[in-house]
Amino acid sequence: MIDNADFIAELKYTRTEQGGRKNPAQSGYRPHLKFDFTEMLTSGNQFFIGTDSVYPGEKVIAQIGMGSTYHYEGKLEVGMEFEFCEGSIIIGIGKITEIINQTLEKKKAST
């Protein structure tokens, strides 16, 4: 596990013919992350688990280290989806499978 991992996610890279990347992404790649609850973007280092690269159209599990976490504190939850992009081009969709940085985890409503 990397030292600055905030969460683990399954990433699905968009196929080239659907507007995704033309080349494979290497572990350590840092696209922007976009969550539905905000217009704000942050960078997110993707460190792939079990492989060094992923091709357009493939899925991979990755540890994600966010560039800025303050705005996201208490707002993320397992199962939440997000987009990752290069500029305005969405190159894939991610789904959070585990939250490592507990300050980011959305608190459950008490009953």
PDB file of N, CA and C in Angstrom:
ATOM      1  N   MET A   1       0.839  -1.191   0.000  1.00  0.00           N
ATOM      2  CA  MET A   1       0.000   0.000   0.000  1.00  0.00           C
ATOM      3  C   MET A   1       0.881   1.251   0.000  1.00  0.00           C
ATOM      4  N   ILE A   2       0.493   2.247  -0.781  1.00  0.00           N
ATOM      5  CA  ILE A   2       1.251   3.494  -0.801  1.00  0.00           C
ATOM      6  C   ILE A   2       0.942   4.302   0.449  1.00  0.00           C
ATOM      7  N   ASP A   3       1.871   5.140   0.844  1.00  0.00           N
ATOM      8  CA  ASP A   3       1.724   5.920   2.075  1.00  0.00           C
ATOM      9  C   ASP A   3       0.584   6.931   2.029  1.00  0.00           C
ATOM     10  N   ASN A   4       0.332   7.501   0.865  1.00  0.00           N
ATOM     11  CA  ASN A   4      -0.668   8.577   0.792  1.00  0.00           C
ATOM     12  C   ASN A   4      -1.979   8.128   0.153  1.00  0.00           C
ATOM     13  N   ALA A   5      -2.306   6.835   0.221  1.00  0.00           N
ATOM     14  CA  ALA A   5      -3.564   6.349  -0.363  1.00  0.00           C
ATOM     15  C   ALA A   5      -4.751   6.828   0.465  1.00  0.00           C
ATOM     16  N   ASP A   6      -5.743   7.374  -0.210  1.00  0.00           N
ATOM     17  CA  ASP A   6      -6.963   7.821   0.455  1.00  0.00           C
ATOM     18  C   ASP A   6      -8.088   6.805   0.327  1.00  0.00           C
ATOM     19  N   PHE A   7      -8.144   6.106  -0.806  1.00  0.00           N
ATOM     20  CA  PHE A   7      -9.143   5.058  -0.991  1.00  0.00           C
ATOM     21  C   PHE A   7      -8.702   4.101  -2.082  1.00  0.00           C
ATOM     22  N   ILE A   8      -9.399   2.981  -2.162  1.00  0.00           N
ATOM     23  CA  ILE A   8      -9.177   1.990  -3.219  1.00  0.00           C
ATOM     24  C   ILE A   8     -10.423   1.988  -4.085  1.00  0.00           C
ATOM     25  N   ALA A   9     -10.224   1.875  -5.397  1.00  0.00           N
ATOM     26  CA  ALA A   9     -11.355   1.914  -6.319  1.00  0.00           C
ATOM     27  C   ALA A   9     -11.140   0.969  -7.488  1.00  0.00           C
ATOM     28  N   GLU A  10     -12.249   0.501  -8.039  1.00  0.00           N
ATOM     29  CA  GLU A  10     -12.208  -0.207  -9.311  1.00  0.00           C
ATOM     30  C   GLU A  10     -12.337   0.859 -10.395  1.00  0.00           C
ATOM     31  N   LEU A  11     -11.409   0.883 -11.323  1.00  0.00           N
ATOM     32  CA  LEU A  11     -11.401   1.868 -12.399  1.00  0.00           C
ATOM     33  C   LEU A  11     -11.717   1.179 -13.714  1.00  0.00           C
ATOM     34  N   LYS A  12     -12.601   1.766 -14.488  1.00  0.00           N
ATOM     35  CA  LYS A  12     -12.934   1.268 -15.822  1.00  0.00           C
ATOM     36  C   LYS A  12     -12.557   2.359 -16.810  1.00  0.00           C
ATOM     37  N   TYR A  13     -11.496   2.088 -17.571  1.00  0.00           N
ATOM     38  CA  TYR A  13     -11.048   3.044 -18.579  1.00  0.00           C
ATOM     39  C   TYR A  13     -11.934   2.967 -19.815  1.00  0.00           C
ATOM     40  N   THR A  14     -12.345   4.105 -20.329  1.00  0.00           N
ATOM     41  CA  THR A  14     -13.175   4.194 -21.518  1.00  0.00           C
ATOM     42  C   THR A  14     -12.373   3.759 -22.743  1.00  0.00           C
ATOM     43  N   ARG A  15     -13.004   3.034 -23.629  1.00  0.00           N
ATOM     44  CA  ARG A  15     -12.340   2.602 -24.869  1.00  0.00           C
ATOM     45  C   ARG A  15     -12.017   3.806 -25.739  1.00  0.00           C
ATOM     46  N   THR A  16     -10.955   3.703 -26.514  1.00  0.00           N
ATOM     47  CA  THR A  16     -10.506   4.791 -27.390  1.00  0.00           C
ATOM     48  C   THR A  16     -11.619   5.263 -28.310  1.00  0.00           C
ATOM     49  N   GLU A  17     -12.330   4.323 -28.922  1.00  0.00           N
ATOM     50  CA  GLU A  17     -13.387   4.698 -29.874  1.00  0.00           C
ATOM     51  C   GLU A  17     -14.594   5.334 -29.204  1.00  0.00           C
ATOM     52  N   GLN A  18     -14.644   5.292 -27.876  1.00  0.00           N
ATOM     53  CA  GLN A  18     -15.709   5.959 -27.119  1.00  0.00           C
ATOM     54  C   GLN A  18     -15.207   7.267 -26.514  1.00  0.00           C
ATOM     55  N   GLY A  19     -14.038   7.718 -26.925  1.00  0.00           N
ATOM     56  CA  GLY A  19     -13.497   8.997 -26.459  1.00  0.00           C
ATOM     57  C   GLY A  19     -12.432   8.875 -25.392  1.00  0.00           C
ATOM     58  N   GLY A  20     -12.011   7.651 -25.063  1.00  0.00           N
ATOM     59  CA  GLY A  20     -10.984   7.446 -24.038  1.00  0.00           C
ATOM     60  C   GLY A  20      -9.577   7.685 -24.563  1.00  0.00           C
ATOM     61  N   ARG A  21      -8.621   7.341 -23.743  1.00  0.00           N
ATOM     62  CA  ARG A  21      -7.208   7.483 -24.103  1.00  0.00           C
ATOM     63  C   ARG A  21      -6.871   6.640 -25.328  1.00  0.00           C
ATOM     64  N   LYS A  22      -5.807   7.057 -26.012  1.00  0.00           N
ATOM     65  CA  LYS A  22      -5.307   6.284 -27.146  1.00  0.00           C
ATOM     66  C   LYS A  22      -4.223   5.310 -26.699  1.00  0.00           C
ATOM     67  N   ASN A  23      -3.561   5.622 -25.595  1.00  0.00           N
ATOM     68  CA  ASN A  23      -2.442   4.822 -25.095  1.00  0.00           C
ATOM     69  C   ASN A  23      -2.760   4.302 -23.698  1.00  0.00           C
ATOM     70  N   PRO A  24      -2.053   3.255 -23.272  1.00  0.00           N
ATOM     71  CA  PRO A  24      -2.274   2.751 -21.913  1.00  0.00           C
ATOM     72  C   PRO A  24      -1.823   3.767 -20.863  1.00  0.00           C
ATOM     73  N   ALA A  25      -2.423   3.688 -19.697  1.00  0.00           N
ATOM     74  CA  ALA A  25      -2.003   4.515 -18.554  1.00  0.00           C
ATOM     75  C   ALA A  25      -1.065   3.672 -17.694  1.00  0.00           C
ATOM     76  N   GLN A  26      -0.057   4.305 -17.137  1.00  0.00           N
ATOM     77  CA  GLN A  26       0.906   3.639 -16.281  1.00  0.00           C
ATOM     78  C   GLN A  26       0.548   3.882 -14.822  1.00  0.00           C
ATOM     79  N   SER A  27       0.871   2.926 -13.968  1.00  0.00           N
ATOM     80  CA  SER A  27       0.662   3.109 -12.533  1.00  0.00           C
ATOM     81  C   SER A  27       1.384   4.377 -12.094  1.00  0.00           C
ATOM     82  N   GLY A  28       0.716   5.193 -11.298  1.00  0.00           N
ATOM     83  CA  GLY A  28       1.238   6.498 -10.908  1.00  0.00           C
ATOM     84  C   GLY A  28       0.609   7.639 -11.697  1.00  0.00           C
ATOM     85  N   TYR A  29      -0.196   7.297 -12.697  1.00  0.00           N
ATOM     86  CA  TYR A  29      -0.912   8.267 -13.521  1.00  0.00           C
ATOM     87  C   TYR A  29      -1.791   9.152 -12.633  1.00  0.00           C
ATOM     88  N   ARG A  30      -1.912  10.420 -12.990  1.00  0.00           N
ATOM     89  CA  ARG A  30      -2.588  11.390 -12.128  1.00  0.00           C
ATOM     90  C   ARG A  30      -3.623  12.241 -12.873  1.00  0.00           C
ATOM     91  N   PRO A  31      -4.771  11.669 -13.218  1.00  0.00           N
ATOM     92  CA  PRO A  31      -5.828  12.469 -13.845  1.00  0.00           C
ATOM     93  C   PRO A  31      -6.616  13.252 -12.791  1.00  0.00           C
ATOM     94  N   HIS A  32      -7.535  14.085 -13.266  1.00  0.00           N
ATOM     95  CA  HIS A  32      -8.445  14.780 -12.361  1.00  0.00           C
ATOM     96  C   HIS A  32      -9.577  13.849 -11.960  1.00  0.00           C
ATOM     97  N   LEU A  33     -10.085  14.038 -10.740  1.00  0.00           N
ATOM     98  CA  LEU A  33     -11.230  13.280 -10.240  1.00  0.00           C
ATOM     99  C   LEU A  33     -12.414  14.223 -10.123  1.00  0.00           C
ATOM    100  N   LYS A  34     -13.601  13.731 -10.492  1.00  0.00           N
ATOM    101  CA  LYS A  34     -14.831  14.527 -10.428  1.00  0.00           C
ATOM    102  C   LYS A  34     -15.924  13.702  -9.766  1.00  0.00           C
ATOM    103  N   PHE A  35     -16.404  14.182  -8.628  1.00  0.00           N
ATOM    104  CA  PHE A  35     -17.503  13.542  -7.904  1.00  0.00           C
ATOM    105  C   PHE A  35     -18.784  14.313  -8.164  1.00  0.00           C
ATOM    106  N   ASP A  36     -19.929  13.633  -8.162  1.00  0.00           N
ATOM    107  CA  ASP A  36     -21.219  14.254  -8.471  1.00  0.00           C
ATOM    108  C   ASP A  36     -21.618  15.368  -7.498  1.00  0.00           C
ATOM    109  N   PHE A  37     -21.156  15.306  -6.253  1.00  0.00           N
ATOM    110  CA  PHE A  37     -21.615  16.266  -5.256  1.00  0.00           C
ATOM    111  C   PHE A  37     -20.919  17.627  -5.340  1.00  0.00           C
ATOM    112  N   THR A  38     -19.969  17.799  -6.261  1.00  0.00           N
ATOM    113  CA  THR A  38     -19.268  19.076  -6.374  1.00  0.00           C
ATOM    114  C   THR A  38     -18.777  19.308  -7.798  1.00  0.00           C
ATOM    115  N   GLU A  39     -18.602  20.555  -8.147  1.00  0.00           N
ATOM    116  CA  GLU A  39     -18.007  20.914  -9.433  1.00  0.00           C
ATOM    117  C   GLU A  39     -16.484  20.956  -9.331  1.00  0.00           C
ATOM    118  N   MET A  40     -15.978  20.940  -8.106  1.00  0.00           N
ATOM    119  CA  MET A  40     -14.539  21.023  -7.879  1.00  0.00           C
ATOM    120  C   MET A  40     -13.848  19.747  -8.365  1.00  0.00           C
ATOM    121  N   LEU A  41     -12.694  19.916  -8.993  1.00  0.00           N
ATOM    122  CA  LEU A  41     -11.854  18.799  -9.411  1.00  0.00           C
ATOM    123  C   LEU A  41     -10.629  18.735  -8.520  1.00  0.00           C
ATOM    124  N   THR A  42     -10.107  17.534  -8.336  1.00  0.00           N
ATOM    125  CA  THR A  42      -8.837  17.359  -7.648  1.00  0.00           C
ATOM    126  C   THR A  42      -8.049  16.322  -8.423  1.00  0.00           C
ATOM    127  N   SER A  43      -6.740  16.346  -8.286  1.00  0.00           N
ATOM    128  CA  SER A  43      -5.948  15.301  -8.934  1.00  0.00           C
ATOM    129  C   SER A  43      -5.975  14.062  -8.056  1.00  0.00           C
ATOM    130  N   GLY A  44      -5.775  12.920  -8.681  1.00  0.00           N
ATOM    131  CA  GLY A  44      -5.772  11.672  -7.930  1.00  0.00           C
ATOM    132  C   GLY A  44      -4.769  10.690  -8.506  1.00  0.00           C
ATOM    133  N   ASN A  45      -3.658  10.493  -7.815  1.00  0.00           N
ATOM    134  CA  ASN A  45      -2.663   9.516  -8.263  1.00  0.00           C
ATOM    135  C   ASN A  45      -3.261   8.120  -8.225  1.00  0.00           C
ATOM    136  N   GLN A  46      -3.168   7.420  -9.327  1.00  0.00           N
ATOM    137  CA  GLN A  46      -3.681   6.059  -9.435  1.00  0.00           C
ATOM    138  C   GLN A  46      -2.495   5.091  -9.387  1.00  0.00           C
ATOM    139  N   PHE A  47      -2.437   4.292  -8.339  1.00  0.00           N
ATOM    140  CA  PHE A  47      -1.397   3.273  -8.221  1.00  0.00           C
ATOM    141  C   PHE A  47      -2.066   1.916  -8.372  1.00  0.00           C
ATOM    142  N   PHE A  48      -1.850   1.283  -9.534  1.00  0.00           N
ATOM    143  CA  PHE A  48      -2.528   0.048  -9.894  1.00  0.00           C
ATOM    144  C   PHE A  48      -2.071  -1.118  -9.023  1.00  0.00           C
ATOM    145  N   ILE A  49      -2.998  -1.980  -8.686  1.00  0.00           N
ATOM    146  CA  ILE A  49      -2.709  -3.172  -7.884  1.00  0.00           C
ATOM    147  C   ILE A  49      -2.624  -4.366  -8.832  1.00  0.00           C
ATOM    148  N   GLY A  50      -1.471  -5.015  -8.863  1.00  0.00           N
ATOM    149  CA  GLY A  50      -1.290  -6.215  -9.661  1.00  0.00           C
ATOM    150  C   GLY A  50      -0.869  -6.015 -11.097  1.00  0.00           C
ATOM    151  N   THR A  51      -0.682  -4.774 -11.521  1.00  0.00           N
ATOM    152  CA  THR A  51      -0.245  -4.496 -12.889  1.00  0.00           C
ATOM    153  C   THR A  51       0.438  -3.138 -12.936  1.00  0.00           C
ATOM    154  N   ASP A  52       1.235  -2.919 -13.967  1.00  0.00           N
ATOM    155  CA  ASP A  52       1.923  -1.640 -14.128  1.00  0.00           C
ATOM    156  C   ASP A  52       1.223  -0.710 -15.107  1.00  0.00           C
ATOM    157  N   SER A  53       0.314  -1.273 -15.933  1.00  0.00           N
ATOM    158  CA  SER A  53      -0.378  -0.439 -16.911  1.00  0.00           C
ATOM    159  C   SER A  53      -1.772  -0.986 -17.190  1.00  0.00           C
ATOM    160  N   VAL A  54      -2.609  -0.123 -17.730  1.00  0.00           N
ATOM    161  CA  VAL A  54      -3.978  -0.502 -18.106  1.00  0.00           C
ATOM    162  C   VAL A  54      -4.299   0.146 -19.457  1.00  0.00           C
ATOM    163  N   TYR A  55      -4.922  -0.628 -20.329  1.00  0.00           N
ATOM    164  CA  TYR A  55      -5.253  -0.171 -21.672  1.00  0.00           C
ATOM    165  C   TYR A  55      -6.696   0.346 -21.716  1.00  0.00           C
ATOM    166  N   PRO A  56      -6.985   1.238 -22.677  1.00  0.00           N
ATOM    167  CA  PRO A  56      -8.358   1.709 -22.840  1.00  0.00           C
ATOM    168  C   PRO A  56      -9.311   0.526 -22.976  1.00  0.00           C
ATOM    169  N   GLY A  57     -10.428   0.569 -22.250  1.00  0.00           N
ATOM    170  CA  GLY A  57     -11.413  -0.497 -22.266  1.00  0.00           C
ATOM    171  C   GLY A  57     -11.228  -1.512 -21.149  1.00  0.00           C
ATOM    172  N   GLU A  58     -10.119  -1.434 -20.415  1.00  0.00           N
ATOM    173  CA  GLU A  58      -9.849  -2.390 -19.346  1.00  0.00           C
ATOM    174  C   GLU A  58     -10.246  -1.845 -17.980  1.00  0.00           C
ATOM    175  N   LYS A  59     -10.397  -2.789 -17.028  1.00  0.00           N
ATOM    176  CA  LYS A  59     -10.652  -2.442 -15.626  1.00  0.00           C
ATOM    177  C   LYS A  59      -9.401  -2.749 -14.815  1.00  0.00           C
ATOM    178  N   VAL A  60      -9.232  -2.017 -13.720  1.00  0.00           N
ATOM    179  CA  VAL A  60      -8.105  -2.238 -12.825  1.00  0.00           C
ATOM    180  C   VAL A  60      -8.509  -1.795 -11.420  1.00  0.00           C
ATOM    181  N   ILE A  61      -7.925  -2.415 -10.414  1.00  0.00           N
ATOM    182  CA  ILE A  61      -8.091  -1.971  -9.033  1.00  0.00           C
ATOM    183  C   ILE A  61      -6.897  -1.079  -8.711  1.00  0.00           C
ATOM    184  N   ALA A  62      -7.154   0.056  -8.082  1.00  0.00           N
ATOM    185  CA  ALA A  62      -6.073   1.002  -7.809  1.00  0.00           C
ATOM    186  C   ALA A  62      -6.243   1.670  -6.454  1.00  0.00           C
ATOM    187  N   GLN A  63      -5.107   1.996  -5.864  1.00  0.00           N
ATOM    188  CA  GLN A  63      -5.088   2.863  -4.694  1.00  0.00           C
ATOM    189  C   GLN A  63      -5.057   4.288  -5.235  1.00  0.00           C
ATOM    190  N   ILE A  64      -5.869   5.152  -4.656  1.00  0.00           N
ATOM    191  CA  ILE A  64      -5.953   6.538  -5.111  1.00  0.00           C
ATOM    192  C   ILE A  64      -5.473   7.457  -3.997  1.00  0.00           C
ATOM    193  N   GLY A  65      -4.515   8.307  -4.316  1.00  0.00           N
ATOM    194  CA  GLY A  65      -4.060   9.344  -3.404  1.00  0.00           C
ATOM    195  C   GLY A  65      -4.497  10.687  -3.956  1.00  0.00           C
ATOM    196  N   MET A  66      -5.405  11.354  -3.271  1.00  0.00           N
ATOM    197  CA  MET A  66      -5.952  12.620  -3.763  1.00  0.00           C
ATOM    198  C   MET A  66      -4.975  13.761  -3.511  1.00  0.00           C
ATOM    199  N   GLY A  67      -4.963  14.729  -4.440  1.00  0.00           N
ATOM    200  CA  GLY A  67      -4.090  15.884  -4.315  1.00  0.00           C
ATOM    201  C   GLY A  67      -4.530  16.824  -3.211  1.00  0.00           C
ATOM    202  N   SER A  68      -5.815  16.935  -3.004  1.00  0.00           N
ATOM    203  CA  SER A  68      -6.360  17.813  -1.973  1.00  0.00           C
ATOM    204  C   SER A  68      -7.544  17.095  -1.339  1.00  0.00           C
ATOM    205  N   THR A  69      -7.533  16.968  -0.025  1.00  0.00           N
ATOM    206  CA  THR A  69      -8.607  16.220   0.620  1.00  0.00           C
ATOM    207  C   THR A  69      -9.563  17.090   1.444  1.00  0.00           C
ATOM    208  N   TYR A  70      -9.187  18.301   1.783  1.00  0.00           N
ATOM    209  CA  TYR A  70      -9.976  19.137   2.679  1.00  0.00           C
ATOM    210  C   TYR A  70     -11.433  19.252   2.240  1.00  0.00           C
ATOM    211  N   HIS A  71     -11.664  19.539   0.977  1.00  0.00           N
ATOM    212  CA  HIS A  71     -13.021  19.734   0.455  1.00  0.00           C
ATOM    213  C   HIS A  71     -13.848  18.437   0.477  1.00  0.00           C
ATOM    214  N   TYR A  72     -13.201  17.299   0.584  1.00  0.00           N
ATOM    215  CA  TYR A  72     -13.862  16.002   0.477  1.00  0.00           C
ATOM    216  C   TYR A  72     -14.068  15.317   1.826  1.00  0.00           C
ATOM    217  N   GLU A  73     -13.655  15.951   2.910  1.00  0.00           N
ATOM    218  CA  GLU A  73     -13.786  15.353   4.241  1.00  0.00           C
ATOM    219  C   GLU A  73     -15.251  15.089   4.577  1.00  0.00           C
ATOM    220  N   GLY A  74     -15.537  13.855   5.005  1.00  0.00           N
ATOM    221  CA  GLY A  74     -16.887  13.465   5.390  1.00  0.00           C
ATOM    222  C   GLY A  74     -17.862  13.308   4.240  1.00  0.00           C
ATOM    223  N   LYS A  75     -17.360  13.181   3.002  1.00  0.00           N
ATOM    224  CA  LYS A  75     -18.265  13.145   1.843  1.00  0.00           C
ATOM    225  C   LYS A  75     -18.167  11.889   0.987  1.00  0.00           C
ATOM    226  N   LEU A  76     -17.196  11.029   1.232  1.00  0.00           N
ATOM    227  CA  LEU A  76     -17.033   9.839   0.397  1.00  0.00           C
ATOM    228  C   LEU A  76     -17.584   8.602   1.089  1.00  0.00           C
ATOM    229  N   GLU A  77     -18.041   7.631   0.297  1.00  0.00           N
ATOM    230  CA  GLU A  77     -18.530   6.381   0.855  1.00  0.00           C
ATOM    231  C   GLU A  77     -18.272   5.241  -0.122  1.00  0.00           C
ATOM    232  N   VAL A  78     -18.171   4.041   0.429  1.00  0.00           N
ATOM    233  CA  VAL A  78     -17.971   2.845  -0.385  1.00  0.00           C
ATOM    234  C   VAL A  78     -19.157   2.720  -1.342  1.00  0.00           C
ATOM    235  N   GLY A  79     -18.868   2.408  -2.593  1.00  0.00           N
ATOM    236  CA  GLY A  79     -19.898   2.296  -3.622  1.00  0.00           C
ATOM    237  C   GLY A  79     -20.086   3.563  -4.434  1.00  0.00           C
ATOM    238  N   MET A  80     -19.545   4.690  -3.951  1.00  0.00           N
ATOM    239  CA  MET A  80     -19.674   5.962  -4.657  1.00  0.00           C
ATOM    240  C   MET A  80     -18.880   5.911  -5.963  1.00  0.00           C
ATOM    241  N   GLU A  81     -19.482   6.429  -7.029  1.00  0.00           N
ATOM    242  CA  GLU A  81     -18.811   6.487  -8.323  1.00  0.00           C
ATOM    243  C   GLU A  81     -18.278   7.890  -8.572  1.00  0.00           C
ATOM    244  N   PHE A  82     -17.254   7.961  -9.406  1.00  0.00           N
ATOM    245  CA  PHE A  82     -16.642   9.219  -9.792  1.00  0.00           C
ATOM    246  C   PHE A  82     -16.093   9.079 -11.203  1.00  0.00           C
ATOM    247  N   GLU A  83     -15.883  10.217 -11.840  1.00  0.00           N
ATOM    248  CA  GLU A  83     -15.261  10.237 -13.160  1.00  0.00           C
ATOM    249  C   GLU A  83     -13.797  10.617 -12.991  1.00  0.00           C
ATOM    250  N   PHE A  84     -12.951  10.127 -13.883  1.00  0.00           N
ATOM    251  CA  PHE A  84     -11.588  10.652 -13.951  1.00  0.00           C
ATOM    252  C   PHE A  84     -11.357  11.136 -15.368  1.00  0.00           C
ATOM    253  N   CYS A  85     -10.645  12.246 -15.481  1.00  0.00           N
ATOM    254  CA  CYS A  85     -10.572  12.922 -16.763  1.00  0.00           C
ATOM    255  C   CYS A  85      -9.225  13.591 -17.009  1.00  0.00           C
ATOM    256  N   GLU A  86      -8.995  13.840 -18.289  1.00  0.00           N
ATOM    257  CA  GLU A  86      -7.867  14.637 -18.757  1.00  0.00           C
ATOM    258  C   GLU A  86      -8.479  15.922 -19.293  1.00  0.00           C
ATOM    259  N   GLY A  87      -8.301  17.011 -18.587  1.00  0.00           N
ATOM    260  CA  GLY A  87      -8.969  18.248 -18.973  1.00  0.00           C
ATOM    261  C   GLY A  87     -10.468  18.027 -18.925  1.00  0.00           C
ATOM    262  N   SER A  88     -11.169  18.329 -20.022  1.00  0.00           N
ATOM    263  CA  SER A  88     -12.624  18.159 -20.058  1.00  0.00           C
ATOM    264  C   SER A  88     -13.037  16.795 -20.608  1.00  0.00           C
ATOM    265  N   ILE A  89     -12.070  15.940 -20.939  1.00  0.00           N
ATOM    266  CA  ILE A  89     -12.373  14.636 -21.532  1.00  0.00           C
ATOM    267  C   ILE A  89     -12.434  13.561 -20.454  1.00  0.00           C
ATOM    268  N   ILE A  90     -13.611  12.953 -20.302  1.00  0.00           N
ATOM    269  CA  ILE A  90     -13.780  11.869 -19.331  1.00  0.00           C
ATOM    270  C   ILE A  90     -13.137  10.617 -19.928  1.00  0.00           C
ATOM    271  N   ILE A  91     -12.165  10.067 -19.216  1.00  0.00           N
ATOM    272  CA  ILE A  91     -11.459   8.893 -19.733  1.00  0.00           C
ATOM    273  C   ILE A  91     -11.801   7.623 -18.963  1.00  0.00           C
ATOM    274  N   GLY A  92     -12.665   7.743 -17.943  1.00  0.00           N
ATOM    275  CA  GLY A  92     -13.074   6.557 -17.221  1.00  0.00           C
ATOM    276  C   GLY A  92     -13.958   6.858 -16.037  1.00  0.00           C
ATOM    277  N   ILE A  93     -14.476   5.781 -15.467  1.00  0.00           N
ATOM    278  CA  ILE A  93     -15.352   5.846 -14.298  1.00  0.00           C
ATOM    279  C   ILE A  93     -14.736   4.974 -13.210  1.00  0.00           C
ATOM    280  N   GLY A  94     -14.770   5.467 -11.986  1.00  0.00           N
ATOM    281  CA  GLY A  94     -14.286   4.696 -10.854  1.00  0.00           C
ATOM    282  C   GLY A  94     -15.385   4.452  -9.850  1.00  0.00           C
ATOM    283  N   LYS A  95     -15.202   3.409  -9.030  1.00  0.00           N
ATOM    284  CA  LYS A  95     -16.144   3.091  -7.962  1.00  0.00           C
ATOM    285  C   LYS A  95     -15.333   2.759  -6.722  1.00  0.00           C
ATOM    286  N   ILE A  96     -15.584   3.500  -5.643  1.00  0.00           N
ATOM    287  CA  ILE A  96     -14.849   3.306  -4.400  1.00  0.00           C
ATOM    288  C   ILE A  96     -15.212   1.957  -3.790  1.00  0.00           C
ATOM    289  N   THR A  97     -14.178   1.154  -3.460  1.00  0.00           N
ATOM    290  CA  THR A  97     -14.407  -0.147  -2.832  1.00  0.00           C
ATOM    291  C   THR A  97     -13.958  -0.169  -1.377  1.00  0.00           C
ATOM    292  N   GLU A  98     -13.074   0.761  -0.999  1.00  0.00           N
ATOM    293  CA  GLU A  98     -12.590   0.844   0.387  1.00  0.00           C
ATOM    294  C   GLU A  98     -12.059   2.245   0.645  1.00  0.00           C
ATOM    295  N   ILE A  99     -12.391   2.799   1.805  1.00  0.00           N
ATOM    296  CA  ILE A  99     -11.866   4.113   2.187  1.00  0.00           C
ATOM    297  C   ILE A  99     -10.763   3.895   3.218  1.00  0.00           C
ATOM    298  N   ILE A 100      -9.589   4.407   2.905  1.00  0.00           N
ATOM    299  CA  ILE A 100      -8.428   4.257   3.783  1.00  0.00           C
ATOM    300  C   ILE A 100      -8.301   5.463   4.706  1.00  0.00           C
ATOM    301  N   ASN A 101      -8.419   6.663   4.143  1.00  0.00           N
ATOM    302  CA  ASN A 101      -8.338   7.906   4.910  1.00  0.00           C
ATOM    303  C   ASN A 101      -9.717   8.151   5.546  1.00  0.00           C
ATOM    304  N   GLN A 102      -9.855   7.793   6.819  1.00  0.00           N
ATOM    305  CA  GLN A 102     -11.147   7.826   7.496  1.00  0.00           C
ATOM    306  C   GLN A 102     -11.748   9.234   7.605  1.00  0.00           C
ATOM    307  N   THR A 103     -10.939  10.287   7.482  1.00  0.00           N
ATOM    308  CA  THR A 103     -11.502  11.646   7.532  1.00  0.00           C
ATOM    309  C   THR A 103     -12.387  11.935   6.315  1.00  0.00           C
ATOM    310  N   LEU A 104     -12.217  11.160   5.253  1.00  0.00           N
ATOM    311  CA  LEU A 104     -13.004  11.353   4.038  1.00  0.00           C
ATOM    312  C   LEU A 104     -14.346  10.633   4.066  1.00  0.00           C
ATOM    313  N   GLU A 105     -14.478   9.654   4.968  1.00  0.00           N
ATOM    314  CA  GLU A 105     -15.660   8.810   4.990  1.00  0.00           C
ATOM    315  C   GLU A 105     -16.886   9.559   5.497  1.00  0.00           C
ATOM    316  N   LYS A 106     -17.968   9.418   4.731  1.00  0.00           N
ATOM    317  CA  LYS A 106     -19.246  10.018   5.104  1.00  0.00           C
ATOM    318  C   LYS A 106     -19.757   9.314   6.358  1.00  0.00           C
ATOM    319  N   LYS A 107     -20.171  10.096   7.314  1.00  0.00           N
ATOM    320  CA  LYS A 107     -20.670   9.533   8.580  1.00  0.00           C
ATOM    321  C   LYS A 107     -22.070   8.999   8.402  1.00  0.00           C
ATOM    322  N   LYS A 108     -22.326   7.849   8.967  1.00  0.00           N
ATOM    323  CA  LYS A 108     -23.653   7.242   8.926  1.00  0.00           C
ATOM    324  C   LYS A 108     -24.590   8.017   9.852  1.00  0.00           C
ATOM    325  N   ALA A 109     -25.799   8.209   9.398  1.00  0.00           N
ATOM    326  CA  ALA A 109     -26.805   8.897  10.221  1.00  0.00           C
ATOM    327  C   ALA A 109     -27.189   7.978  11.375  1.00  0.00           C
ATOM    328  N   SER A 110     -27.207   8.522  12.578  1.00  0.00           N
ATOM    329  CA  SER A 110     -27.590   7.707  13.733  1.00  0.00           C
ATOM    330  C   SER A 110     -29.110   7.603  13.801  1.00  0.00           C
ATOM    331  N   THR A 111     -29.566   6.457  14.266  1.00  0.00           N
ATOM    332  CA  THR A 111     -31.015   6.225  14.319  1.00  0.00           C
ATOM    333  C   THR A 111     -31.525   6.299  15.734  1.00  0.00           C
TER     334      THR A 111
END
